[in-house]
Amino acid sequence: MEPSWQKVYSSNDQFKAELLKQVLVANQIEAVVLNQKDSSYQFGEVSILVHQADWTTAKTLIHQQLNNT
């Protein structure tokens, strides 16, 4: 990954991370999901990465989304 990518969210729930990524994409923020879970034992985390310039906006959108659920 390029150094301009920053982690904005992490969880052990891949489904939630994918949903949050779609919220970011719908708001014109480029985002990627990085799955670092072990495939055999299912431990580890799933992270959402965004460009450094979008970090503050992405963090706000994620916070709003999590508080609405």
Protein backbone atom coordinates (compact mmCIF):
# COMPACT_ATOMS: atom_id res chain seq x y z
CA MET A 1 0.00 0.00 0.00
CA GLU A 2 1.07 3.55 -0.59
CA PRO A 3 2.07 5.54 2.48
CA SER A 4 -0.86 7.91 1.90
CA TRP A 5 -3.36 5.23 3.02
CA GLN A 6 -4.45 5.50 6.66
CA LYS A 7 -6.48 3.12 8.81
CA VAL A 8 -9.78 4.76 9.72
CA TYR A 9 -11.61 1.77 11.24
CA SER A 10 -10.93 -1.78 12.36
CA SER A 11 -13.13 -4.60 13.58
CA ASN A 12 -13.29 -8.37 13.71
CA ASP A 13 -16.62 -8.18 11.82
CA GLN A 14 -15.93 -8.25 8.08
CA PHE A 15 -19.57 -7.67 7.14
CA LYS A 16 -19.73 -4.44 9.17
CA ALA A 17 -16.47 -3.24 7.63
CA GLU A 18 -17.81 -3.88 4.11
CA LEU A 19 -21.01 -1.96 4.89
CA LEU A 20 -19.05 0.98 6.26
CA LYS A 21 -16.81 0.95 3.20
CA GLN A 22 -19.90 1.28 1.02
CA VAL A 23 -21.01 4.32 3.05
CA LEU A 24 -17.64 5.93 2.35
CA VAL A 25 -17.74 5.08 -1.36
CA ALA A 26 -21.27 6.51 -1.59
CA ASN A 27 -19.82 9.75 -0.23
CA GLN A 28 -17.04 9.84 -2.87
CA ILE A 29 -14.30 8.64 -0.50
CA GLU A 30 -12.05 5.98 -1.97
CA ALA A 31 -11.74 3.17 0.57
CA VAL A 32 -10.35 -0.35 0.72
CA VAL A 33 -10.94 -3.20 3.15
CA LEU A 34 -7.82 -4.98 4.33
CA ASN A 35 -8.65 -8.43 5.72
CA GLN A 36 -5.95 -9.64 8.12
CA LYS A 37 -8.01 -12.44 9.66
CA ASP A 38 -6.55 -15.91 9.82
CA SER A 39 -8.60 -18.13 7.51
CA SER A 40 -8.36 -21.23 9.70
CA TYR A 41 -9.04 -19.86 13.18
CA GLN A 42 -10.88 -16.61 12.33
CA PHE A 43 -8.89 -14.31 14.62
CA GLY A 44 -7.42 -11.01 13.60
CA GLU A 45 -8.97 -7.86 12.28
CA VAL A 46 -10.45 -6.28 9.20
CA SER A 47 -9.45 -2.65 8.56
CA ILE A 48 -10.78 0.12 6.36
CA LEU A 49 -8.13 2.30 4.77
CA VAL A 50 -8.66 5.71 3.16
CA HIS A 51 -6.37 8.32 1.68
CA GLN A 52 -4.83 10.56 4.31
CA ALA A 53 -6.61 13.63 2.90
CA ASP A 54 -10.02 11.95 3.43
CA TRP A 55 -9.32 10.59 6.92
CA THR A 56 -11.19 13.23 8.94
CA THR A 57 -14.31 13.12 6.76
CA ALA A 58 -14.26 9.31 6.70
CA LYS A 59 -13.91 9.12 10.49
CA THR A 60 -16.89 11.46 10.90
CA LEU A 61 -19.05 9.46 8.49
CA ILE A 62 -18.18 6.18 10.21
CA HIS A 63 -18.89 7.67 13.63
CA GLN A 64 -22.29 8.93 12.44
CA GLN A 65 -23.14 5.58 10.87
CA LEU A 66 -22.20 3.60 13.99
CA ASN A 67 -24.24 5.90 16.23
CA ASN A 68 -27.32 5.55 14.01
CA THR A 69 -27.42 1.75 14.33
